[in-house]
């Protein structure tokens, strides 16, 4: 059981290192942004329902 736990942790560290190495040259400039805002809304289908949600906007190279 100890060997299985060791191999699982080693495997997770290996995957994390590969992902980190892949994103070394990832461009995080002003053209890439993520914003969020709360949204209050309501929906009426026989019964009035109000809700709160979160809206995410991803902007890449001027496109949204």
Protein backbone atom coordinates (compact mmCIF):
# COMPACT_ATOMS: atom_id res chain seq x y z
CA UNK A 1 0.00 0.00 0.00
CA UNK A 2 2.86 2.36 0.80
CA UNK A 3 4.46 1.64 -2.57
CA UNK A 4 1.15 2.40 -4.34
CA UNK A 5 0.87 5.74 -2.52
CA UNK A 6 4.47 6.58 -3.39
CA UNK A 7 3.89 5.78 -7.08
CA UNK A 8 0.68 7.82 -7.15
CA UNK A 9 2.39 10.90 -5.68
CA UNK A 10 5.39 10.46 -7.98
CA UNK A 11 3.04 10.20 -10.98
CA UNK A 12 1.20 13.40 -10.01
CA UNK A 13 4.50 15.26 -9.64
CA UNK A 14 5.61 14.00 -13.05
CA UNK A 15 2.40 15.18 -14.72
CA UNK A 16 2.66 18.57 -12.96
CA UNK A 17 6.26 18.97 -14.16
CA UNK A 18 5.26 18.15 -17.75
CA UNK A 19 2.40 20.69 -17.68
CA UNK A 20 4.64 23.32 -16.09
CA UNK A 21 7.29 22.72 -18.75
CA UNK A 22 4.69 23.02 -21.50
CA UNK A 23 3.52 26.44 -20.28
CA UNK A 24 7.00 27.98 -19.76
CA UNK A 25 6.56 30.25 -22.80
CA UNK A 26 2.84 30.91 -22.28
CA UNK A 27 2.01 34.52 -23.18
CA UNK A 28 0.20 36.34 -20.38
CA UNK A 29 -0.10 39.78 -21.91
CA UNK A 30 -2.77 42.47 -21.98
CA UNK A 31 -4.39 40.63 -24.92
CA UNK A 32 -5.26 37.70 -22.65
CA UNK A 33 -7.62 38.37 -19.75
CA UNK A 34 -10.34 36.71 -17.71
CA UNK A 35 -12.96 38.74 -15.91
CA UNK A 36 -16.02 37.82 -13.90
CA UNK A 37 -19.06 39.63 -12.60
CA UNK A 38 -22.11 38.68 -10.54
CA UNK A 39 -25.44 38.50 -12.37
CA UNK A 40 -28.89 38.91 -10.81
CA UNK A 41 -31.76 37.62 -12.90
CA UNK A 42 -35.26 36.28 -12.92
CA UNK A 43 -37.15 33.79 -15.03
CA UNK A 44 -40.90 33.42 -15.23
CA UNK A 45 -42.44 30.10 -16.22
CA UNK A 46 -45.68 30.06 -14.31
CA UNK A 47 -43.73 30.88 -11.14
CA UNK A 48 -41.32 33.83 -10.78
CA UNK A 49 -37.81 32.48 -10.09
CA UNK A 50 -34.93 34.76 -9.08
CA UNK A 51 -31.33 33.65 -9.22
CA UNK A 52 -27.75 34.79 -8.66
CA UNK A 53 -25.00 33.57 -10.96
CA UNK A 54 -21.48 34.44 -12.07
CA UNK A 55 -20.62 35.50 -15.60
CA UNK A 56 -17.10 34.80 -16.94
CA UNK A 57 -15.59 36.58 -19.94
CA UNK A 58 -12.40 35.33 -21.60
CA UNK A 59 -10.70 37.78 -23.94
CA UNK A 60 -7.99 36.48 -26.30
CA UNK A 61 -6.16 38.82 -28.70
CA UNK A 62 -9.00 41.33 -28.79
CA UNK A 63 -11.75 38.72 -29.33
CA UNK A 64 -14.25 38.02 -26.56
